[in-house]
């Protein structure tokens, strides 16, 4: 089973990045998909969730209003659009479905 994140990189404060999470076929209709992040030396933090049926989204207070989760069922992909990035957003970002996690993609916010 593989979840594969991509799209990370280096961005300046105030910039944007869009992460992708490719999941196995049909999983978007089977599972809620969550994004998490883990900064160096810190515990993993939940970022947000997109529900499997309704597509409703929920976000941590730290990213609400700046991050947007969406999904493309035909492409088996969930997206995390990150806007107005801050240095505190620097972390490795993971997507998660049920008990499965991807390997993550690094996001570094720095000038």
Foldseek 3Di string as FASTA:
>chain_A
DAWDKDWADEAAQQAKTKMKIADPAPLLLVWKKWKWWDAPPGDIGTAKIQGSPPRDIDGDPVQPPFWDWGDDNVRNMIMIIGGRDDQVVFTWMWMDTDHDIHPTDTHGYHD
